[in-house]
Amino acid sequence: MAVKHTSKIEITIGLDENKIPEKLHWSAQDGAIKNAETKAILLSVWDPEKKDTLKVDLWTKDMPVDEMKQFFHQTLVSMANSFESATNDEKMSATMRDFCDYFAEKLELIK
């Protein structure tokens, strides 16, 4: 199958003198997102040769802890949804969502 179209997602990281992220921006051509500011990025890619996940986790030094907890919770929920879409494994997806509920309860994210 030949590639018919390419798309680019870019992440720009502004670092301080100690190479700690101060500013994060991202752009996505097909998503009409151009240089949008963010406070945190979790990026995972699959290495098919090593059968391993490579990842980059970045957040700015002014990312509030309460927002980081919410970000992780929402990311976990999204992962459960993506897992179900990718595998059709409803039982494990439900188990993952149960953990997400537990996570949110323990962090008092749900009032």
PDB file of N, CA and C in Angstrom:
ATOM      1  N   MET A   1       0.835  -1.166   0.000  1.00  0.00           N
ATOM      2  CA  MET A   1       0.000   0.000   0.000  1.00  0.00           C
ATOM      3  C   MET A   1       0.889   1.242   0.000  1.00  0.00           C
ATOM      4  N   ALA A   2       0.666   2.125  -0.926  1.00  0.00           N
ATOM      5  CA  ALA A   2       1.475   3.336  -1.049  1.00  0.00           C
ATOM      6  C   ALA A   2       0.905   4.451  -0.174  1.00  0.00           C
ATOM      7  N   VAL A   3       1.779   5.240   0.390  1.00  0.00           N
ATOM      8  CA  VAL A   3       1.367   6.388   1.197  1.00  0.00           C
ATOM      9  C   VAL A   3       0.770   7.431   0.257  1.00  0.00           C
ATOM     10  N   LYS A   4      -0.433   7.872   0.552  1.00  0.00           N
ATOM     11  CA  LYS A   4      -1.131   8.846  -0.289  1.00  0.00           C
ATOM     12  C   LYS A   4      -1.027  10.265   0.260  1.00  0.00           C
ATOM     13  N   HIS A   5      -0.778  10.376   1.549  1.00  0.00           N
ATOM     14  CA  HIS A   5      -0.765  11.681   2.201  1.00  0.00           C
ATOM     15  C   HIS A   5       0.144  11.592   3.423  1.00  0.00           C
ATOM     16  N   THR A   6       0.804  12.662   3.748  1.00  0.00           N
ATOM     17  CA  THR A   6       1.564  12.722   4.990  1.00  0.00           C
ATOM     18  C   THR A   6       1.026  13.876   5.821  1.00  0.00           C
ATOM     19  N   SER A   7       1.228  13.782   7.107  1.00  0.00           N
ATOM     20  CA  SER A   7       0.793  14.811   8.040  1.00  0.00           C
ATOM     21  C   SER A   7       1.887  14.967   9.075  1.00  0.00           C
ATOM     22  N   LYS A   8       1.974  16.158   9.649  1.00  0.00           N
ATOM     23  CA  LYS A   8       3.038  16.416  10.602  1.00  0.00           C
ATOM     24  C   LYS A   8       2.454  16.920  11.913  1.00  0.00           C
ATOM     25  N   ILE A   9       2.978  16.388  13.005  1.00  0.00           N
ATOM     26  CA  ILE A   9       2.705  16.899  14.343  1.00  0.00           C
ATOM     27  C   ILE A   9       4.045  17.371  14.889  1.00  0.00           C
ATOM     28  N   GLU A  10       4.083  18.614  15.346  1.00  0.00           N
ATOM     29  CA  GLU A  10       5.334  19.181  15.851  1.00  0.00           C
ATOM     30  C   GLU A  10       5.178  19.602  17.304  1.00  0.00           C
ATOM     31  N   ILE A  11       6.242  19.398  18.069  1.00  0.00           N
ATOM     32  CA  ILE A  11       6.297  19.828  19.462  1.00  0.00           C
ATOM     33  C   ILE A  11       7.521  20.727  19.600  1.00  0.00           C
ATOM     34  N   THR A  12       7.302  21.913  20.154  1.00  0.00           N
ATOM     35  CA  THR A  12       8.386  22.856  20.388  1.00  0.00           C
ATOM     36  C   THR A  12       8.542  23.030  21.892  1.00  0.00           C
ATOM     37  N   ILE A  13       9.773  22.881  22.359  1.00  0.00           N
ATOM     38  CA  ILE A  13      10.053  22.928  23.791  1.00  0.00           C
ATOM     39  C   ILE A  13      10.991  24.094  24.075  1.00  0.00           C
ATOM     40  N   GLY A  14      10.537  25.016  24.902  1.00  0.00           N
ATOM     41  CA  GLY A  14      11.373  26.126  25.343  1.00  0.00           C
ATOM     42  C   GLY A  14      11.999  25.765  26.682  1.00  0.00           C
ATOM     43  N   LEU A  15      13.315  25.725  26.739  1.00  0.00           N
ATOM     44  CA  LEU A  15      14.033  25.276  27.932  1.00  0.00           C
ATOM     45  C   LEU A  15      14.695  26.441  28.655  1.00  0.00           C
ATOM     46  N   ASP A  16      14.817  26.303  29.975  1.00  0.00           N
ATOM     47  CA  ASP A  16      15.579  27.299  30.735  1.00  0.00           C
ATOM     48  C   ASP A  16      17.071  26.940  30.672  1.00  0.00           C
ATOM     49  N   GLU A  17      17.882  27.647  31.428  1.00  0.00           N
ATOM     50  CA  GLU A  17      19.336  27.420  31.392  1.00  0.00           C
ATOM     51  C   GLU A  17      19.744  26.035  31.877  1.00  0.00           C
ATOM     52  N   ASN A  18      18.872  25.369  32.644  1.00  0.00           N
ATOM     53  CA  ASN A  18      19.140  24.007  33.135  1.00  0.00           C
ATOM     54  C   ASN A  18      18.453  22.938  32.291  1.00  0.00           C
ATOM     55  N   LYS A  19      17.943  23.348  31.143  1.00  0.00           N
ATOM     56  CA  LYS A  19      17.242  22.460  30.207  1.00  0.00           C
ATOM     57  C   LYS A  19      15.953  21.885  30.802  1.00  0.00           C
ATOM     58  N   ILE A  20      15.303  22.674  31.655  1.00  0.00           N
ATOM     59  CA  ILE A  20      13.990  22.325  32.208  1.00  0.00           C
ATOM     60  C   ILE A  20      12.935  23.014  31.346  1.00  0.00           C
ATOM     61  N   PRO A  21      11.899  22.287  30.914  1.00  0.00           N
ATOM     62  CA  PRO A  21      10.884  22.923  30.069  1.00  0.00           C
ATOM     63  C   PRO A  21      10.189  24.097  30.762  1.00  0.00           C
ATOM     64  N   GLU A  22      10.162  25.227  30.069  1.00  0.00           N
ATOM     65  CA  GLU A  22       9.432  26.401  30.529  1.00  0.00           C
ATOM     66  C   GLU A  22       8.184  26.625  29.692  1.00  0.00           C
ATOM     67  N   LYS A  23       8.278  26.341  28.402  1.00  0.00           N
ATOM     68  CA  LYS A  23       7.156  26.527  27.480  1.00  0.00           C
ATOM     69  C   LYS A  23       7.061  25.315  26.570  1.00  0.00           C
ATOM     70  N   LEU A  24       5.847  24.856  26.346  1.00  0.00           N
ATOM     71  CA  LEU A  24       5.579  23.774  25.405  1.00  0.00           C
ATOM     72  C   LEU A  24       4.507  24.249  24.436  1.00  0.00           C
ATOM     73  N   HIS A  25       4.749  24.034  23.152  1.00  0.00           N
ATOM     74  CA  HIS A  25       3.770  24.354  22.119  1.00  0.00           C
ATOM     75  C   HIS A  25       3.690  23.172  21.164  1.00  0.00           C
ATOM     76  N   TRP A  26       2.514  23.002  20.552  1.00  0.00           N
ATOM     77  CA  TRP A  26       2.376  21.931  19.585  1.00  0.00           C
ATOM     78  C   TRP A  26       1.520  22.383  18.419  1.00  0.00           C
ATOM     79  N   SER A  27       1.760  21.744  17.284  1.00  0.00           N
ATOM     80  CA  SER A  27       1.013  22.020  16.064  1.00  0.00           C
ATOM     81  C   SER A  27       0.666  20.690  15.415  1.00  0.00           C
ATOM     82  N   ALA A  28      -0.512  20.643  14.800  1.00  0.00           N
ATOM     83  CA  ALA A  28      -0.962  19.456  14.064  1.00  0.00           C
ATOM     84  C   ALA A  28      -1.636  19.920  12.778  1.00  0.00           C
ATOM     85  N   GLN A  29      -0.976  19.682  11.662  1.00  0.00           N
ATOM     86  CA  GLN A  29      -1.466  20.152  10.365  1.00  0.00           C
ATOM     87  C   GLN A  29      -2.920  19.780  10.128  1.00  0.00           C
ATOM     88  N   ASP A  30      -3.229  18.513  10.237  1.00  0.00           N
ATOM     89  CA  ASP A  30      -4.578  18.052   9.901  1.00  0.00           C
ATOM     90  C   ASP A  30      -5.604  18.362  10.982  1.00  0.00           C
ATOM     91  N   GLY A  31      -5.154  18.782  12.148  1.00  0.00           N
ATOM     92  CA  GLY A  31      -6.075  19.117  13.224  1.00  0.00           C
ATOM     93  C   GLY A  31      -6.311  20.611  13.348  1.00  0.00           C
ATOM     94  N   ALA A  32      -5.758  21.378  12.422  1.00  0.00           N
ATOM     95  CA  ALA A  32      -5.891  22.838  12.429  1.00  0.00           C
ATOM     96  C   ALA A  32      -5.399  23.442  13.751  1.00  0.00           C
ATOM     97  N   ILE A  33      -4.370  22.833  14.322  1.00  0.00           N
ATOM     98  CA  ILE A  33      -3.775  23.339  15.562  1.00  0.00           C
ATOM     99  C   ILE A  33      -2.415  23.915  15.198  1.00  0.00           C
ATOM    100  N   LYS A  34      -2.224  25.183  15.528  1.00  0.00           N
ATOM    101  CA  LYS A  34      -0.970  25.840  15.168  1.00  0.00           C
ATOM    102  C   LYS A  34      -0.377  26.522  16.393  1.00  0.00           C
ATOM    103  N   ASN A  35       0.753  26.008  16.828  1.00  0.00           N
ATOM    104  CA  ASN A  35       1.522  26.599  17.918  1.00  0.00           C
ATOM    105  C   ASN A  35       0.685  26.811  19.192  1.00  0.00           C
ATOM    106  N   ALA A  36      -0.111  25.819  19.540  1.00  0.00           N
ATOM    107  CA  ALA A  36      -0.944  25.900  20.744  1.00  0.00           C
ATOM    108  C   ALA A  36      -0.103  25.623  21.978  1.00  0.00           C
ATOM    109  N   GLU A  37      -0.303  26.423  22.996  1.00  0.00           N
ATOM    110  CA  GLU A  37       0.444  26.237  24.240  1.00  0.00           C
ATOM    111  C   GLU A  37      -0.161  25.097  25.045  1.00  0.00           C
ATOM    112  N   THR A  38       0.706  24.359  25.708  1.00  0.00           N
ATOM    113  CA  THR A  38       0.282  23.306  26.617  1.00  0.00           C
ATOM    114  C   THR A  38       1.239  23.295  27.808  1.00  0.00           C
ATOM    115  N   LYS A  39       0.848  22.606  28.864  1.00  0.00           N
ATOM    116  CA  LYS A  39       1.694  22.525  30.057  1.00  0.00           C
ATOM    117  C   LYS A  39       2.322  21.146  30.220  1.00  0.00           C
ATOM    118  N   ALA A  40       1.777  20.135  29.505  1.00  0.00           N
ATOM    119  CA  ALA A  40       2.307  18.774  29.663  1.00  0.00           C
ATOM    120  C   ALA A  40       2.065  17.964  28.397  1.00  0.00           C
ATOM    121  N   ILE A  41       2.993  17.058  28.132  1.00  0.00           N
ATOM    122  CA  ILE A  41       2.900  16.158  26.977  1.00  0.00           C
ATOM    123  C   ILE A  41       3.383  14.783  27.412  1.00  0.00           C
ATOM    124  N   LEU A  42       2.602  13.762  27.097  1.00  0.00           N
ATOM    125  CA  LEU A  42       3.016  12.368  27.272  1.00  0.00           C
ATOM    126  C   LEU A  42       2.979  11.747  25.881  1.00  0.00           C
ATOM    127  N   LEU A  43       4.106  11.311  25.387  1.00  0.00           N
ATOM    128  CA  LEU A  43       4.198  10.761  24.039  1.00  0.00           C
ATOM    129  C   LEU A  43       4.799   9.361  24.120  1.00  0.00           C
ATOM    130  N   SER A  44       4.093   8.397  23.553  1.00  0.00           N
ATOM    131  CA  SER A  44       4.596   7.025  23.501  1.00  0.00           C
ATOM    132  C   SER A  44       4.604   6.555  22.060  1.00  0.00           C
ATOM    133  N   VAL A  45       5.677   5.897  21.678  1.00  0.00           N
ATOM    134  CA  VAL A  45       5.769   5.302  20.344  1.00  0.00           C
ATOM    135  C   VAL A  45       6.237   3.858  20.475  1.00  0.00           C
ATOM    136  N   TRP A  46       5.793   3.020  19.565  1.00  0.00           N
ATOM    137  CA  TRP A  46       6.126   1.602  19.585  1.00  0.00           C
ATOM    138  C   TRP A  46       7.313   1.334  18.667  1.00  0.00           C
ATOM    139  N   ASP A  47       8.339   0.690  19.197  1.00  0.00           N
ATOM    140  CA  ASP A  47       9.488   0.269  18.412  1.00  0.00           C
ATOM    141  C   ASP A  47       9.247  -1.182  18.014  1.00  0.00           C
ATOM    142  N   PRO A  48       8.879  -1.442  16.752  1.00  0.00           N
ATOM    143  CA  PRO A  48       8.545  -2.809  16.348  1.00  0.00           C
ATOM    144  C   PRO A  48       9.729  -3.766  16.341  1.00  0.00           C
ATOM    145  N   GLU A  49      10.937  -3.239  16.179  1.00  0.00           N
ATOM    146  CA  GLU A  49      12.112  -4.104  16.191  1.00  0.00           C
ATOM    147  C   GLU A  49      12.439  -4.594  17.593  1.00  0.00           C
ATOM    148  N   LYS A  50      12.403  -3.686  18.560  1.00  0.00           N
ATOM    149  CA  LYS A  50      12.724  -4.043  19.944  1.00  0.00           C
ATOM    150  C   LYS A  50      11.506  -4.548  20.711  1.00  0.00           C
ATOM    151  N   LYS A  51      10.315  -4.382  20.116  1.00  0.00           N
ATOM    152  CA  LYS A  51       9.066  -4.743  20.801  1.00  0.00           C
ATOM    153  C   LYS A  51       8.996  -4.036  22.151  1.00  0.00           C
ATOM    154  N   ASP A  52       9.219  -2.719  22.086  1.00  0.00           N
ATOM    155  CA  ASP A  52       9.284  -1.923  23.303  1.00  0.00           C
ATOM    156  C   ASP A  52       8.690  -0.545  23.042  1.00  0.00           C
ATOM    157  N   THR A  53       8.218   0.076  24.097  1.00  0.00           N
ATOM    158  CA  THR A  53       7.667   1.416  24.022  1.00  0.00           C
ATOM    159  C   THR A  53       8.747   2.431  24.370  1.00  0.00           C
ATOM    160  N   LEU A  54       8.857   3.435  23.529  1.00  0.00           N
ATOM    161  CA  LEU A  54       9.745   4.566  23.784  1.00  0.00           C
ATOM    162  C   LEU A  54       8.846   5.729  24.156  1.00  0.00           C
ATOM    163  N   LYS A  55       9.261   6.525  25.129  1.00  0.00           N
ATOM    164  CA  LYS A  55       8.373   7.587  25.548  1.00  0.00           C
ATOM    165  C   LYS A  55       9.109   8.849  25.936  1.00  0.00           C
ATOM    166  N   VAL A  56       8.370   9.932  25.814  1.00  0.00           N
ATOM    167  CA  VAL A  56       8.844  11.246  26.220  1.00  0.00           C
ATOM    168  C   VAL A  56       7.747  11.841  27.094  1.00  0.00           C
ATOM    169  N   ASP A  57       8.077  12.166  28.320  1.00  0.00           N
ATOM    170  CA  ASP A  57       7.149  12.808  29.245  1.00  0.00           C
ATOM    171  C   ASP A  57       7.717  14.179  29.585  1.00  0.00           C
ATOM    172  N   LEU A  58       6.986  15.207  29.262  1.00  0.00           N
ATOM    173  CA  LEU A  58       7.444  16.576  29.502  1.00  0.00           C
ATOM    174  C   LEU A  58       6.342  17.382  30.166  1.00  0.00           C
ATOM    175  N   TRP A  59       6.734  18.237  31.094  1.00  0.00           N
ATOM    176  CA  TRP A  59       5.799  19.205  31.653  1.00  0.00           C
ATOM    177  C   TRP A  59       6.582  20.428  32.059  1.00  0.00           C
ATOM    178  N   THR A  60       5.903  21.559  32.012  1.00  0.00           N
ATOM    179  CA  THR A  60       6.566  22.809  32.371  1.00  0.00           C
ATOM    180  C   THR A  60       6.674  22.895  33.885  1.00  0.00           C
ATOM    181  N   LYS A  61       7.662  23.677  34.333  1.00  0.00           N
ATOM    182  CA  LYS A  61       7.876  23.774  35.775  1.00  0.00           C
ATOM    183  C   LYS A  61       6.745  24.504  36.485  1.00  0.00           C
ATOM    184  N   ASP A  62       5.876  25.177  35.725  1.00  0.00           N
ATOM    185  CA  ASP A  62       4.743  25.845  36.360  1.00  0.00           C
ATOM    186  C   ASP A  62       3.424  25.065  36.198  1.00  0.00           C
ATOM    187  N   MET A  63       3.524  23.791  35.791  1.00  0.00           N
ATOM    188  CA  MET A  63       2.321  22.950  35.705  1.00  0.00           C
ATOM    189  C   MET A  63       1.840  22.669  37.126  1.00  0.00           C
ATOM    190  N   PRO A  64       0.616  23.094  37.475  1.00  0.00           N
ATOM    191  CA  PRO A  64       0.111  22.861  38.827  1.00  0.00           C
ATOM    192  C   PRO A  64      -0.102  21.371  39.103  1.00  0.00           C
ATOM    193  N   VAL A  65       0.199  20.936  40.302  1.00  0.00           N
ATOM    194  CA  VAL A  65       0.076  19.526  40.675  1.00  0.00           C
ATOM    195  C   VAL A  65      -1.370  19.044  40.533  1.00  0.00           C
ATOM    196  N   ASP A  66      -2.350  19.864  40.921  1.00  0.00           N
ATOM    197  CA  ASP A  66      -3.743  19.434  40.801  1.00  0.00           C
ATOM    198  C   ASP A  66      -4.122  19.219  39.334  1.00  0.00           C
ATOM    199  N   GLU A  67      -3.602  20.037  38.432  1.00  0.00           N
ATOM    200  CA  GLU A  67      -3.869  19.839  37.008  1.00  0.00           C
ATOM    201  C   GLU A  67      -3.125  18.617  36.476  1.00  0.00           C
ATOM    202  N   MET A  68      -1.935  18.339  37.010  1.00  0.00           N
ATOM    203  CA  MET A  68      -1.188  17.146  36.594  1.00  0.00           C
ATOM    204  C   MET A  68      -1.964  15.889  36.971  1.00  0.00           C
ATOM    205  N   LYS A  69      -2.550  15.878  38.159  1.00  0.00           N
ATOM    206  CA  LYS A  69      -3.353  14.723  38.581  1.00  0.00           C
ATOM    207  C   LYS A  69      -4.547  14.538  37.652  1.00  0.00           C
ATOM    208  N   GLN A  70      -5.195  15.623  37.300  1.00  0.00           N
ATOM    209  CA  GLN A  70      -6.338  15.558  36.388  1.00  0.00           C
ATOM    210  C   GLN A  70      -5.895  15.112  34.994  1.00  0.00           C
ATOM    211  N   PHE A  71      -4.759  15.615  34.544  1.00  0.00           N
ATOM    212  CA  PHE A  71      -4.197  15.233  33.250  1.00  0.00           C
ATOM    213  C   PHE A  71      -3.927  13.731  33.198  1.00  0.00           C
ATOM    214  N   PHE A  72      -3.322  13.196  34.251  1.00  0.00           N
ATOM    215  CA  PHE A  72      -3.056  11.757  34.283  1.00  0.00           C
ATOM    216  C   PHE A  72      -4.353  10.957  34.297  1.00  0.00           C
ATOM    217  N   HIS A  73      -5.324  11.401  35.078  1.00  0.00           N
ATOM    218  CA  HIS A  73      -6.602  10.686  35.116  1.00  0.00           C
ATOM    219  C   HIS A  73      -7.247  10.657  33.734  1.00  0.00           C
ATOM    220  N   GLN A  74      -7.314  11.808  33.085  1.00  0.00           N
ATOM    221  CA  GLN A  74      -7.932  11.871  31.765  1.00  0.00           C
ATOM    222  C   GLN A  74      -7.153  11.051  30.742  1.00  0.00           C
ATOM    223  N   THR A  75      -5.832  11.017  30.885  1.00  0.00           N
ATOM    224  CA  THR A  75      -5.007  10.208  29.988  1.00  0.00           C
ATOM    225  C   THR A  75      -5.287   8.725  30.192  1.00  0.00           C
ATOM    226  N   LEU A  76      -5.419   8.295  31.445  1.00  0.00           N
ATOM    227  CA  LEU A  76      -5.729   6.890  31.728  1.00  0.00           C
ATOM    228  C   LEU A  76      -7.095   6.496  31.156  1.00  0.00           C
ATOM    229  N   VAL A  77      -8.089   7.372  31.301  1.00  0.00           N
ATOM    230  CA  VAL A  77      -9.425   7.101  30.737  1.00  0.00           C
ATOM    231  C   VAL A  77      -9.325   6.987  29.219  1.00  0.00           C
ATOM    232  N   SER A  78      -8.592   7.902  28.621  1.00  0.00           N
ATOM    233  CA  SER A  78      -8.406   7.877  27.171  1.00  0.00           C
ATOM    234  C   SER A  78      -7.708   6.597  26.723  1.00  0.00           C
ATOM    235  N   MET A  79      -6.725   6.144  27.511  1.00  0.00           N
ATOM    236  CA  MET A  79      -6.025   4.903  27.177  1.00  0.00           C
ATOM    237  C   MET A  79      -6.972   3.701  27.246  1.00  0.00           C
ATOM    238  N   ALA A  80      -7.855   3.687  28.220  1.00  0.00           N
ATOM    239  CA  ALA A  80      -8.832   2.595  28.316  1.00  0.00           C
ATOM    240  C   ALA A  80      -9.726   2.587  27.078  1.00  0.00           C
ATOM    241  N   ASN A  81     -10.156   3.771  26.646  1.00  0.00           N
ATOM    242  CA  ASN A  81     -10.993   3.869  25.450  1.00  0.00           C
ATOM    243  C   ASN A  81     -10.231   3.445  24.203  1.00  0.00           C
ATOM    244  N   SER A  82      -8.985   3.882  24.086  1.00  0.00           N
ATOM    245  CA  SER A  82      -8.162   3.503  22.932  1.00  0.00           C
ATOM    246  C   SER A  82      -7.880   2.008  22.933  1.00  0.00           C
ATOM    247  N   PHE A  83      -7.638   1.456  24.117  1.00  0.00           N
ATOM    248  CA  PHE A  83      -7.388   0.014  24.223  1.00  0.00           C
ATOM    249  C   PHE A  83      -8.591  -0.769  23.717  1.00  0.00           C
ATOM    250  N   GLU A  84      -9.780  -0.327  24.100  1.00  0.00           N
ATOM    251  CA  GLU A  84     -10.988  -1.022  23.635  1.00  0.00           C
ATOM    252  C   GLU A  84     -11.145  -0.895  22.125  1.00  0.00           C
ATOM    253  N   SER A  85     -10.914   0.294  21.585  1.00  0.00           N
ATOM    254  CA  SER A  85     -11.014   0.482  20.132  1.00  0.00           C
ATOM    255  C   SER A  85     -10.004  -0.380  19.382  1.00  0.00           C
ATOM    256  N   ALA A  86      -8.801  -0.496  19.933  1.00  0.00           N
ATOM    257  CA  ALA A  86      -7.729  -1.222  19.254  1.00  0.00           C
ATOM    258  C   ALA A  86      -7.854  -2.737  19.364  1.00  0.00           C
ATOM    259  N   THR A  87      -8.439  -3.221  20.483  1.00  0.00           N
ATOM    260  CA  THR A  87      -8.429  -4.665  20.743  1.00  0.00           C
ATOM    261  C   THR A  87      -9.812  -5.305  20.804  1.00  0.00           C
ATOM    262  N   ASN A  88     -10.852  -4.488  20.951  1.00  0.00           N
ATOM    263  CA  ASN A  88     -12.223  -4.986  21.176  1.00  0.00           C
ATOM    264  C   ASN A  88     -12.327  -5.805  22.462  1.00  0.00           C
ATOM    265  N   ASP A  89     -11.407  -5.615  23.381  1.00  0.00           N
ATOM    266  CA  ASP A  89     -11.419  -6.335  24.652  1.00  0.00           C
ATOM    267  C   ASP A  89     -12.224  -5.519  25.671  1.00  0.00           C
ATOM    268  N   GLU A  90     -13.529  -5.761  25.677  1.00  0.00           N
ATOM    269  CA  GLU A  90     -14.428  -4.987  26.536  1.00  0.00           C
ATOM    270  C   GLU A  90     -14.192  -5.263  28.016  1.00  0.00           C
ATOM    271  N   LYS A  91     -13.886  -6.517  28.352  1.00  0.00           N
ATOM    272  CA  LYS A  91     -13.694  -6.884  29.748  1.00  0.00           C
ATOM    273  C   LYS A  91     -12.482  -6.157  30.353  1.00  0.00           C
ATOM    274  N   MET A  92     -11.341  -6.188  29.668  1.00  0.00           N
ATOM    275  CA  MET A  92     -10.159  -5.516  30.198  1.00  0.00           C
ATOM    276  C   MET A  92     -10.345  -4.005  30.179  1.00  0.00           C
ATOM    277  N   SER A  93     -11.018  -3.484  29.173  1.00  0.00           N
ATOM    278  CA  SER A  93     -11.286  -2.039  29.116  1.00  0.00           C
ATOM    279  C   SER A  93     -12.125  -1.603  30.312  1.00  0.00           C
ATOM    280  N   ALA A  94     -13.106  -2.416  30.663  1.00  0.00           N
ATOM    281  CA  ALA A  94     -13.938  -2.107  31.836  1.00  0.00           C
ATOM    282  C   ALA A  94     -13.093  -2.155  33.110  1.00  0.00           C
ATOM    283  N   THR A  95     -12.172  -3.108  33.184  1.00  0.00           N
ATOM    284  CA  THR A  95     -11.276  -3.200  34.335  1.00  0.00           C
ATOM    285  C   THR A  95     -10.383  -1.959  34.417  1.00  0.00           C
ATOM    286  N   MET A  96      -9.900  -1.526  33.282  1.00  0.00           N
ATOM    287  CA  MET A  96      -9.078  -0.315  33.256  1.00  0.00           C
ATOM    288  C   MET A  96      -9.894   0.897  33.715  1.00  0.00           C
ATOM    289  N   ARG A  97     -11.152   0.982  33.276  1.00  0.00           N
ATOM    290  CA  ARG A  97     -12.011   2.100  33.694  1.00  0.00           C
ATOM    291  C   ARG A  97     -12.310   2.037  35.189  1.00  0.00           C
ATOM    292  N   ASP A  98     -12.441   0.820  35.725  1.00  0.00           N
ATOM    293  CA  ASP A  98     -12.617   0.681  37.176  1.00  0.00           C
ATOM    294  C   ASP A  98     -11.408   1.264  37.908  1.00  0.00           C
ATOM    295  N   PHE A  99     -10.208   0.968  37.396  1.00  0.00           N
ATOM    296  CA  PHE A  99      -9.008   1.543  38.006  1.00  0.00           C
ATOM    297  C   PHE A  99      -9.035   3.066  37.901  1.00  0.00           C
ATOM    298  N   CYS A 100      -9.470   3.593  36.760  1.00  0.00           N
ATOM    299  CA  CYS A 100      -9.550   5.044  36.580  1.00  0.00           C
ATOM    300  C   CYS A 100     -10.490   5.665  37.618  1.00  0.00           C
ATOM    301  N   ASP A 101     -11.605   4.995  37.889  1.00  0.00           N
ATOM    302  CA  ASP A 101     -12.535   5.476  38.918  1.00  0.00           C
ATOM    303  C   ASP A 101     -11.856   5.465  40.287  1.00  0.00           C
ATOM    304  N   TYR A 102     -11.142   4.392  40.585  1.00  0.00           N
ATOM    305  CA  TYR A 102     -10.413   4.270  41.849  1.00  0.00           C
ATOM    306  C   TYR A 102      -9.358   5.380  41.958  1.00  0.00           C
ATOM    307  N   PHE A 103      -8.613   5.587  40.898  1.00  0.00           N
ATOM    308  CA  PHE A 103      -7.575   6.617  40.824  1.00  0.00           C
ATOM    309  C   PHE A 103      -8.185   7.991  41.127  1.00  0.00           C
ATOM    310  N   ALA A 104      -9.294   8.299  40.470  1.00  0.00           N
ATOM    311  CA  ALA A 104      -9.960   9.588  40.659  1.00  0.00           C
ATOM    312  C   ALA A 104     -10.486   9.743  42.082  1.00  0.00           C
ATOM    313  N   GLU A 105     -11.027   8.657  42.623  1.00  0.00           N
ATOM    314  CA  GLU A 105     -11.544   8.696  43.995  1.00  0.00           C
ATOM    315  C   GLU A 105     -10.413   8.951  44.997  1.00  0.00           C
ATOM    316  N   LYS A 106      -9.307   8.227  44.851  1.00  0.00           N
ATOM    317  CA  LYS A 106      -8.185   8.373  45.780  1.00  0.00           C
ATOM    318  C   LYS A 106      -7.541   9.753  45.705  1.00  0.00           C
ATOM    319  N   LEU A 107      -7.555  10.351  44.514  1.00  0.00           N
ATOM    320  CA  LEU A 107      -6.992  11.692  44.349  1.00  0.00           C
ATOM    321  C   LEU A 107      -8.038  12.782  44.581  1.00  0.00           C
ATOM    322  N   GLU A 108      -9.240  12.357  44.937  1.00  0.00           N
ATOM    323  CA  GLU A 108     -10.364  13.271  45.181  1.00  0.00           C
ATOM    324  C   GLU A 108     -10.613  14.192  43.988  1.00  0.00           C
ATOM    325  N   LEU A 109     -10.571  13.597  42.786  1.00  0.00           N
ATOM    326  CA  LEU A 109     -10.847  14.346  41.565  1.00  0.00           C
ATOM    327  C   LEU A 109     -12.342  14.431  41.300  1.00  0.00           C
ATOM    328  N   ILE A 110     -13.079  13.467  41.815  1.00  0.00           N
ATOM    329  CA  ILE A 110     -14.536  13.445  41.646  1.00  0.00           C
ATOM    330  C   ILE A 110     -15.170  13.826  42.963  1.00  0.00           C
ATOM    331  N   LYS A 111     -16.019  14.821  42.904  1.00  0.00           N
ATOM    332  CA  LYS A 111     -16.645  15.322  44.128  1.00  0.00           C
ATOM    333  C   LYS A 111     -18.031  14.757  44.300  1.00  0.00           C
TER     334      LYS A 111
END
